[in-house]
Structure formats: C-alpha cells, structure tokens
Amino acid sequence: MSETVALEIPNQADRQARAVAARTQRRLKDVLLEWINRAEAEPPMESLADDQVLALCDLQSHQLSQRLFAQSQGASLSRLIG
C-alpha cells in the first residue's frame, strides 16, 4: 500500500535530487522515492533499539576479526613461501 504526500524539502536536497534525476534520466519523484527506500533499509543508528545496536556491533566485530585473521594467515603463508 502506498500513500501520496506533499512535503517541502530543503533547497540543497532538491538540487541534488534534480541533478541525479537529470544525470540518470529519471523522474525527480523516482529519485526521491529511491532515497526514501534506501533510508528505510539502512536506518540511522540512533533509531535502533539497544539490542539491535549490540547485535550490529557484534556482527561488525566478528567481520573485522575474520578479515584480520585472513590477512594474518596470508602474511604467514607469504613468509613461508617467500
């Protein structure tokens, strides 16, 4: 379900949206709708509940640990081969 709304947006946002619309040959409303959908998919950190923030931190920490481990394994292998 969708709803039509009228709203005023700041001049800077209007200019940016119009520039994107012109550059990508899309309608202004399609660009704005894409931005709204993206904002909904990636909510700002301050809008998340505490448990969601903690889960996100845990996930990011785990991903960082995995990358660092992979890098250290690659460096160790390079030393052994080289």
PDB file of N, CA and C in Angstrom:
ATOM      1  N   MET A   1       0.843  -1.172   0.000  1.00  0.00           N
ATOM      2  CA  MET A   1       0.000   0.000   0.000  1.00  0.00           C
ATOM      3  C   MET A   1       0.890   1.236   0.000  1.00  0.00           C
ATOM      4  N   SER A   2       0.512   2.228  -0.724  1.00  0.00           N
ATOM      5  CA  SER A   2       1.281   3.467  -0.753  1.00  0.00           C
ATOM      6  C   SER A   2       0.356   4.647  -0.504  1.00  0.00           C
ATOM      7  N   GLU A   3       0.970   5.750  -0.177  1.00  0.00           N
ATOM      8  CA  GLU A   3       0.210   6.959   0.110  1.00  0.00           C
ATOM      9  C   GLU A   3       0.902   8.134  -0.564  1.00  0.00           C
ATOM     10  N   THR A   4       0.127   9.019  -1.107  1.00  0.00           N
ATOM     11  CA  THR A   4       0.664  10.222  -1.724  1.00  0.00           C
ATOM     12  C   THR A   4       0.740  11.312  -0.671  1.00  0.00           C
ATOM     13  N   VAL A   5       1.915  11.939  -0.568  1.00  0.00           N
ATOM     14  CA  VAL A   5       2.097  13.033   0.382  1.00  0.00           C
ATOM     15  C   VAL A   5       2.781  14.197  -0.323  1.00  0.00           C
ATOM     16  N   ALA A   6       2.522  15.374   0.162  1.00  0.00           N
ATOM     17  CA  ALA A   6       3.207  16.567  -0.336  1.00  0.00           C
ATOM     18  C   ALA A   6       4.083  17.076   0.795  1.00  0.00           C
ATOM     19  N   LEU A   7       5.331  17.364   0.480  1.00  0.00           N
ATOM     20  CA  LEU A   7       6.214  17.879   1.511  1.00  0.00           C
ATOM     21  C   LEU A   7       7.218  18.837   0.914  1.00  0.00           C
ATOM     22  N   GLU A   8       7.730  19.699   1.764  1.00  0.00           N
ATOM     23  CA  GLU A   8       8.764  20.635   1.346  1.00  0.00           C
ATOM     24  C   GLU A   8      10.108  20.040   1.723  1.00  0.00           C
ATOM     25  N   ILE A   9      11.030  20.055   0.768  1.00  0.00           N
ATOM     26  CA  ILE A   9      12.367  19.553   1.057  1.00  0.00           C
ATOM     27  C   ILE A   9      13.344  20.724   0.986  1.00  0.00           C
ATOM     28  N   PRO A  10      14.437  20.630   1.707  1.00  0.00           N
ATOM     29  CA  PRO A  10      15.423  21.712   1.675  1.00  0.00           C
ATOM     30  C   PRO A  10      15.953  21.940   0.259  1.00  0.00           C
ATOM     31  N   ASN A  11      16.340  23.171  -0.020  1.00  0.00           N
ATOM     32  CA  ASN A  11      16.838  23.524  -1.353  1.00  0.00           C
ATOM     33  C   ASN A  11      18.005  22.644  -1.789  1.00  0.00           C
ATOM     34  N   GLN A  12      18.919  22.377  -0.867  1.00  0.00           N
ATOM     35  CA  GLN A  12      20.088  21.557  -1.205  1.00  0.00           C
ATOM     36  C   GLN A  12      19.664  20.151  -1.630  1.00  0.00           C
ATOM     37  N   ALA A  13      18.735  19.555  -0.906  1.00  0.00           N
ATOM     38  CA  ALA A  13      18.248  18.221  -1.258  1.00  0.00           C
ATOM     39  C   ALA A  13      17.541  18.254  -2.608  1.00  0.00           C
ATOM     40  N   ASP A  14      16.794  19.313  -2.853  1.00  0.00           N
ATOM     41  CA  ASP A  14      16.103  19.463  -4.134  1.00  0.00           C
ATOM     42  C   ASP A  14      17.104  19.544  -5.283  1.00  0.00           C
ATOM     43  N   ARG A  15      18.143  20.357  -5.101  1.00  0.00           N
ATOM     44  CA  ARG A  15      19.160  20.491  -6.156  1.00  0.00           C
ATOM     45  C   ARG A  15      19.867  19.167  -6.410  1.00  0.00           C
ATOM     46  N   GLN A  16      20.224  18.478  -5.337  1.00  0.00           N
ATOM     47  CA  GLN A  16      20.911  17.193  -5.503  1.00  0.00           C
ATOM     48  C   GLN A  16      20.014  16.173  -6.195  1.00  0.00           C
ATOM     49  N   ALA A  17      18.767  16.108  -5.787  1.00  0.00           N
ATOM     50  CA  ALA A  17      17.840  15.150  -6.388  1.00  0.00           C
ATOM     51  C   ALA A  17      17.606  15.465  -7.861  1.00  0.00           C
ATOM     52  N   ARG A  18      17.453  16.738  -8.173  1.00  0.00           N
ATOM     53  CA  ARG A  18      17.255  17.122  -9.575  1.00  0.00           C
ATOM     54  C   ARG A  18      18.488  16.810 -10.418  1.00  0.00           C
ATOM     55  N   ALA A  19      19.671  17.006  -9.845  1.00  0.00           N
ATOM     56  CA  ALA A  19      20.906  16.693 -10.572  1.00  0.00           C
ATOM     57  C   ALA A  19      21.007  15.192 -10.840  1.00  0.00           C
ATOM     58  N   VAL A  20      20.678  14.388  -9.837  1.00  0.00           N
ATOM     59  CA  VAL A  20      20.704  12.931 -10.024  1.00  0.00           C
ATOM     60  C   VAL A  20      19.670  12.523 -11.065  1.00  0.00           C
ATOM     61  N   ALA A  21      18.490  13.100 -10.984  1.00  0.00           N
ATOM     62  CA  ALA A  21      17.429  12.767 -11.942  1.00  0.00           C
ATOM     63  C   ALA A  21      17.863  13.107 -13.368  1.00  0.00           C
ATOM     64  N   ALA A  22      18.469  14.265 -13.542  1.00  0.00           N
ATOM     65  CA  ALA A  22      18.911  14.666 -14.885  1.00  0.00           C
ATOM     66  C   ALA A  22      20.038  13.757 -15.374  1.00  0.00           C
ATOM     67  N   ARG A  23      20.985  13.478 -14.491  1.00  0.00           N
ATOM     68  CA  ARG A  23      22.138  12.659 -14.867  1.00  0.00           C
ATOM     69  C   ARG A  23      21.729  11.225 -15.208  1.00  0.00           C
ATOM     70  N   THR A  24      20.738  10.708 -14.508  1.00  0.00           N
ATOM     71  CA  THR A  24      20.320   9.317 -14.716  1.00  0.00           C
ATOM     72  C   THR A  24      19.076   9.200 -15.593  1.00  0.00           C
ATOM     73  N   GLN A  25      18.593  10.341 -16.063  1.00  0.00           N
ATOM     74  CA  GLN A  25      17.413  10.399 -16.929  1.00  0.00           C
ATOM     75  C   GLN A  25      16.203   9.713 -16.284  1.00  0.00           C
ATOM     76  N   ARG A  26      15.991  10.073 -15.015  1.00  0.00           N
ATOM     77  CA  ARG A  26      14.828   9.557 -14.284  1.00  0.00           C
ATOM     78  C   ARG A  26      13.979  10.719 -13.811  1.00  0.00           C
ATOM     79  N   ARG A  27      12.783  10.398 -13.391  1.00  0.00           N
ATOM     80  CA  ARG A  27      11.900  11.420 -12.841  1.00  0.00           C
ATOM     81  C   ARG A  27      12.364  11.783 -11.431  1.00  0.00           C
ATOM     82  N   LEU A  28      12.150  13.043 -11.067  1.00  0.00           N
ATOM     83  CA  LEU A  28      12.525  13.521  -9.741  1.00  0.00           C
ATOM     84  C   LEU A  28      11.886  12.665  -8.658  1.00  0.00           C
ATOM     85  N   LYS A  29      10.617  12.360  -8.813  1.00  0.00           N
ATOM     86  CA  LYS A  29       9.936  11.586  -7.770  1.00  0.00           C
ATOM     87  C   LYS A  29      10.517  10.183  -7.639  1.00  0.00           C
ATOM     88  N   ASP A  30      11.029   9.616  -8.719  1.00  0.00           N
ATOM     89  CA  ASP A  30      11.648   8.293  -8.635  1.00  0.00           C
ATOM     90  C   ASP A  30      12.964   8.345  -7.854  1.00  0.00           C
ATOM     91  N   VAL A  31      13.725   9.407  -8.052  1.00  0.00           N
ATOM     92  CA  VAL A  31      14.971   9.579  -7.303  1.00  0.00           C
ATOM     93  C   VAL A  31      14.667   9.746  -5.817  1.00  0.00           C
ATOM     94  N   LEU A  32      13.703  10.598  -5.507  1.00  0.00           N
ATOM     95  CA  LEU A  32      13.345  10.820  -4.105  1.00  0.00           C
ATOM     96  C   LEU A  32      12.819   9.543  -3.458  1.00  0.00           C
ATOM     97  N   LEU A  33      12.018   8.790  -4.185  1.00  0.00           N
ATOM     98  CA  LEU A  33      11.495   7.534  -3.655  1.00  0.00           C
ATOM     99  C   LEU A  33      12.625   6.540  -3.394  1.00  0.00           C
ATOM    100  N   GLU A  34      13.602   6.496  -4.285  1.00  0.00           N
ATOM    101  CA  GLU A  34      14.756   5.623  -4.078  1.00  0.00           C
ATOM    102  C   GLU A  34      15.500   6.014  -2.803  1.00  0.00           C
ATOM    103  N   TRP A  35      15.685   7.306  -2.595  1.00  0.00           N
ATOM    104  CA  TRP A  35      16.375   7.779  -1.393  1.00  0.00           C
ATOM    105  C   TRP A  35      15.606   7.398  -0.136  1.00  0.00           C
ATOM    106  N   ILE A  36      14.298   7.545  -0.181  1.00  0.00           N
ATOM    107  CA  ILE A  36      13.472   7.187   0.981  1.00  0.00           C
ATOM    108  C   ILE A  36      13.564   5.688   1.247  1.00  0.00           C
ATOM    109  N   ASN A  37      13.482   4.888   0.200  1.00  0.00           N
ATOM    110  CA  ASN A  37      13.576   3.438   0.365  1.00  0.00           C
ATOM    111  C   ASN A  37      14.936   3.032   0.920  1.00  0.00           C
ATOM    112  N   ARG A  38      15.990   3.681   0.455  1.00  0.00           N
ATOM    113  CA  ARG A  38      17.333   3.378   0.950  1.00  0.00           C
ATOM    114  C   ARG A  38      17.455   3.753   2.427  1.00  0.00           C
ATOM    115  N   ALA A  39      16.891   4.884   2.796  1.00  0.00           N
ATOM    116  CA  ALA A  39      16.932   5.314   4.201  1.00  0.00           C
ATOM    117  C   ALA A  39      16.160   4.339   5.085  1.00  0.00           C
ATOM    118  N   GLU A  40      15.086   3.802   4.562  1.00  0.00           N
ATOM    119  CA  GLU A  40      14.297   2.825   5.321  1.00  0.00           C
ATOM    120  C   GLU A  40      15.085   1.529   5.500  1.00  0.00           C
ATOM    121  N   ALA A  41      15.815   1.128   4.474  1.00  0.00           N
ATOM    122  CA  ALA A  41      16.582  -0.115   4.531  1.00  0.00           C
ATOM    123  C   ALA A  41      17.810   0.018   5.426  1.00  0.00           C
ATOM    124  N   GLU A  42      18.331   1.232   5.557  1.00  0.00           N
ATOM    125  CA  GLU A  42      19.519   1.485   6.371  1.00  0.00           C
ATOM    126  C   GLU A  42      19.196   2.568   7.398  1.00  0.00           C
ATOM    127  N   PRO A  43      18.426   2.210   8.426  1.00  0.00           N
ATOM    128  CA  PRO A  43      18.014   3.235   9.394  1.00  0.00           C
ATOM    129  C   PRO A  43      19.217   3.788  10.160  1.00  0.00           C
ATOM    130  N   PRO A  44      19.137   5.048  10.573  1.00  0.00           N
ATOM    131  CA  PRO A  44      20.241   5.622  11.347  1.00  0.00           C
ATOM    132  C   PRO A  44      20.411   4.894  12.675  1.00  0.00           C
ATOM    133  N   MET A  45      21.634   4.818  13.132  1.00  0.00           N
ATOM    134  CA  MET A  45      21.965   4.084  14.351  1.00  0.00           C
ATOM    135  C   MET A  45      21.107   4.532  15.535  1.00  0.00           C
ATOM    136  N   GLU A  46      20.860   5.833  15.644  1.00  0.00           N
ATOM    137  CA  GLU A  46      20.119   6.330  16.806  1.00  0.00           C
ATOM    138  C   GLU A  46      18.653   5.894  16.816  1.00  0.00           C
ATOM    139  N   SER A  47      18.152   5.387  15.697  1.00  0.00           N
ATOM    140  CA  SER A  47      16.762   4.936  15.671  1.00  0.00           C
ATOM    141  C   SER A  47      16.622   3.461  16.050  1.00  0.00           C
ATOM    142  N   LEU A  48      17.748   2.769  16.218  1.00  0.00           N
ATOM    143  CA  LEU A  48      17.708   1.346  16.555  1.00  0.00           C
ATOM    144  C   LEU A  48      17.540   1.143  18.057  1.00  0.00           C
ATOM    145  N   ALA A  49      16.918   0.032  18.410  1.00  0.00           N
ATOM    146  CA  ALA A  49      16.806  -0.352  19.818  1.00  0.00           C
ATOM    147  C   ALA A  49      18.181  -0.816  20.306  1.00  0.00           C
ATOM    148  N   ASP A  50      18.391  -0.782  21.613  1.00  0.00           N
ATOM    149  CA  ASP A  50      19.687  -1.145  22.186  1.00  0.00           C
ATOM    150  C   ASP A  50      20.148  -2.534  21.748  1.00  0.00           C
ATOM    151  N   ASP A  51      19.241  -3.505  21.762  1.00  0.00           N
ATOM    152  CA  ASP A  51      19.641  -4.864  21.388  1.00  0.00           C
ATOM    153  C   ASP A  51      20.036  -4.944  19.911  1.00  0.00           C
ATOM    154  N   GLN A  52      19.423  -4.116  19.072  1.00  0.00           N
ATOM    155  CA  GLN A  52      19.792  -4.084  17.660  1.00  0.00           C
ATOM    156  C   GLN A  52      21.181  -3.473  17.475  1.00  0.00           C
ATOM    157  N   VAL A  53      21.483  -2.435  18.239  1.00  0.00           N
ATOM    158  CA  VAL A  53      22.809  -1.812  18.172  1.00  0.00           C
ATOM    159  C   VAL A  53      23.873  -2.810  18.617  1.00  0.00           C
ATOM    160  N   LEU A  54      23.613  -3.517  19.705  1.00  0.00           N
ATOM    161  CA  LEU A  54      24.574  -4.504  20.193  1.00  0.00           C
ATOM    162  C   LEU A  54      24.782  -5.631  19.180  1.00  0.00           C
ATOM    163  N   ALA A  55      23.708  -6.080  18.560  1.00  0.00           N
ATOM    164  CA  ALA A  55      23.827  -7.135  17.549  1.00  0.00           C
ATOM    165  C   ALA A  55      24.635  -6.647  16.354  1.00  0.00           C
ATOM    166  N   LEU A  56      24.422  -5.417  15.948  1.00  0.00           N
ATOM    167  CA  LEU A  56      25.176  -4.848  14.836  1.00  0.00           C
ATOM    168  C   LEU A  56      26.655  -4.730  15.191  1.00  0.00           C
ATOM    169  N   CYS A  57      26.948  -4.285  16.397  1.00  0.00           N
ATOM    170  CA  CYS A  57      28.341  -4.185  16.848  1.00  0.00           C
ATOM    171  C   CYS A  57      29.005  -5.556  16.872  1.00  0.00           C
ATOM    172  N   ASP A  58      28.291  -6.553  17.365  1.00  0.00           N
ATOM    173  CA  ASP A  58      28.834  -7.914  17.390  1.00  0.00           C
ATOM    174  C   ASP A  58      29.136  -8.405  15.980  1.00  0.00           C
ATOM    175  N   LEU A  59      28.226  -8.155  15.065  1.00  0.00           N
ATOM    176  CA  LEU A  59      28.412  -8.583  13.682  1.00  0.00           C
ATOM    177  C   LEU A  59      29.628  -7.904  13.065  1.00  0.00           C
ATOM    178  N   GLN A  60      29.737  -6.597  13.254  1.00  0.00           N
ATOM    179  CA  GLN A  60      30.865  -5.866  12.686  1.00  0.00           C
ATOM    180  C   GLN A  60      32.177  -6.309  13.315  1.00  0.00           C
ATOM    181  N   SER A  61      32.167  -6.567  14.604  1.00  0.00           N
ATOM    182  CA  SER A  61      33.368  -7.037  15.292  1.00  0.00           C
ATOM    183  C   SER A  61      33.792  -8.402  14.755  1.00  0.00           C
ATOM    184  N   HIS A  62      32.823  -9.273  14.554  1.00  0.00           N
ATOM    185  CA  HIS A  62      33.115 -10.603  14.016  1.00  0.00           C
ATOM    186  C   HIS A  62      33.683 -10.502  12.597  1.00  0.00           C
ATOM    187  N   GLN A  63      33.088  -9.650  11.776  1.00  0.00           N
ATOM    188  CA  GLN A  63      33.571  -9.481  10.403  1.00  0.00           C
ATOM    189  C   GLN A  63      34.995  -8.935  10.387  1.00  0.00           C
ATOM    190  N   LEU A  64      35.287  -7.984  11.268  1.00  0.00           N
ATOM    191  CA  LEU A  64      36.632  -7.426  11.353  1.00  0.00           C
ATOM    192  C   LEU A  64      37.622  -8.497  11.797  1.00  0.00           C
ATOM    193  N   SER A  65      37.236  -9.285  12.780  1.00  0.00           N
ATOM    194  CA  SER A  65      38.109 -10.366  13.255  1.00  0.00           C
ATOM    195  C   SER A  65      38.410 -11.351  12.130  1.00  0.00           C
ATOM    196  N   GLN A  66      37.407 -11.680  11.353  1.00  0.00           N
ATOM    197  CA  GLN A  66      37.597 -12.615  10.241  1.00  0.00           C
ATOM    198  C   GLN A  66      38.566 -12.045   9.206  1.00  0.00           C
ATOM    199  N   ARG A  67      38.418 -10.753   8.880  1.00  0.00           N
ATOM    200  CA  ARG A  67      39.320 -10.120   7.908  1.00  0.00           C
ATOM    201  C   ARG A  67      40.748 -10.084   8.426  1.00  0.00           C
ATOM    202  N   LEU A  68      40.911  -9.713   9.693  1.00  0.00           N
ATOM    203  CA  LEU A  68      42.256  -9.650  10.265  1.00  0.00           C
ATOM    204  C   LEU A  68      42.900 -11.030  10.309  1.00  0.00           C
ATOM    205  N   PHE A  69      42.122 -12.046  10.652  1.00  0.00           N
ATOM    206  CA  PHE A  69      42.639 -13.407  10.679  1.00  0.00           C
ATOM    207  C   PHE A  69      43.073 -13.840   9.280  1.00  0.00           C
ATOM    208  N   ALA A  70      42.234 -13.558   8.289  1.00  0.00           N
ATOM    209  CA  ALA A  70      42.564 -13.936   6.913  1.00  0.00           C
ATOM    210  C   ALA A  70      43.828 -13.221   6.444  1.00  0.00           C
ATOM    211  N   GLN A  71      43.962 -11.953   6.803  1.00  0.00           N
ATOM    212  CA  GLN A  71      45.157 -11.203   6.416  1.00  0.00           C
ATOM    213  C   GLN A  71      46.397 -11.770   7.091  1.00  0.00           C
ATOM    214  N   SER A  72      46.277 -12.119   8.358  1.00  0.00           N
ATOM    215  CA  SER A  72      47.441 -12.657   9.067  1.00  0.00           C
ATOM    216  C   SER A  72      47.831 -14.021   8.511  1.00  0.00           C
ATOM    217  N   GLN A  73      46.851 -14.809   8.102  1.00  0.00           N
ATOM    218  CA  GLN A  73      47.148 -16.109   7.510  1.00  0.00           C
ATOM    219  C   GLN A  73      47.849 -15.937   6.168  1.00  0.00           C
ATOM    220  N   GLY A  74      47.400 -14.960   5.392  1.00  0.00           N
ATOM    221  CA  GLY A  74      48.034 -14.681   4.103  1.00  0.00           C
ATOM    222  C   GLY A  74      49.461 -14.204   4.279  1.00  0.00           C
ATOM    223  N   ALA A  75      49.707 -13.368   5.285  1.00  0.00           N
ATOM    224  CA  ALA A  75      51.057 -12.873   5.544  1.00  0.00           C
ATOM    225  C   ALA A  75      51.958 -14.009   6.004  1.00  0.00           C
ATOM    226  N   SER A  76      51.435 -14.893   6.846  1.00  0.00           N
ATOM    227  CA  SER A  76      52.224 -16.034   7.318  1.00  0.00           C
ATOM    228  C   SER A  76      52.585 -16.953   6.162  1.00  0.00           C
ATOM    229  N   LEU A  77      51.636 -17.188   5.282  1.00  0.00           N
ATOM    230  CA  LEU A  77      51.873 -18.044   4.129  1.00  0.00           C
ATOM    231  C   LEU A  77      52.915 -17.421   3.205  1.00  0.00           C
ATOM    232  N   SER A  78      52.842 -16.115   3.028  1.00  0.00           N
ATOM    233  CA  SER A  78      53.817 -15.428   2.174  1.00  0.00           C
ATOM    234  C   SER A  78      55.226 -15.564   2.736  1.00  0.00           C
ATOM    235  N   ARG A  79      55.348 -15.469   4.058  1.00  0.00           N
ATOM    236  CA  ARG A  79      56.671 -15.614   4.677  1.00  0.00           C
ATOM    237  C   ARG A  79      57.202 -17.032   4.494  1.00  0.00           C
ATOM    238  N   LEU A  80      56.321 -18.014   4.574  1.00  0.00           N
ATOM    239  CA  LEU A  80      56.753 -19.402   4.411  1.00  0.00           C
ATOM    240  C   LEU A  80      57.181 -19.694   2.976  1.00  0.00           C
ATOM    241  N   ILE A  81      56.435 -19.143   2.029  1.00  0.00           N
ATOM    242  CA  ILE A  81      56.723 -19.398   0.619  1.00  0.00           C
ATOM    243  C   ILE A  81      57.914 -18.567   0.156  1.00  0.00           C
ATOM    244  N   GLY A  82      57.946 -17.318   0.580  1.00  0.00           N
ATOM    245  CA  GLY A  82      58.956 -16.368   0.109  1.00  0.00           C
ATOM    246  C   GLY A  82      60.237 -16.554   0.793  1.00  0.00           C
TER     247      GLY A  82
END
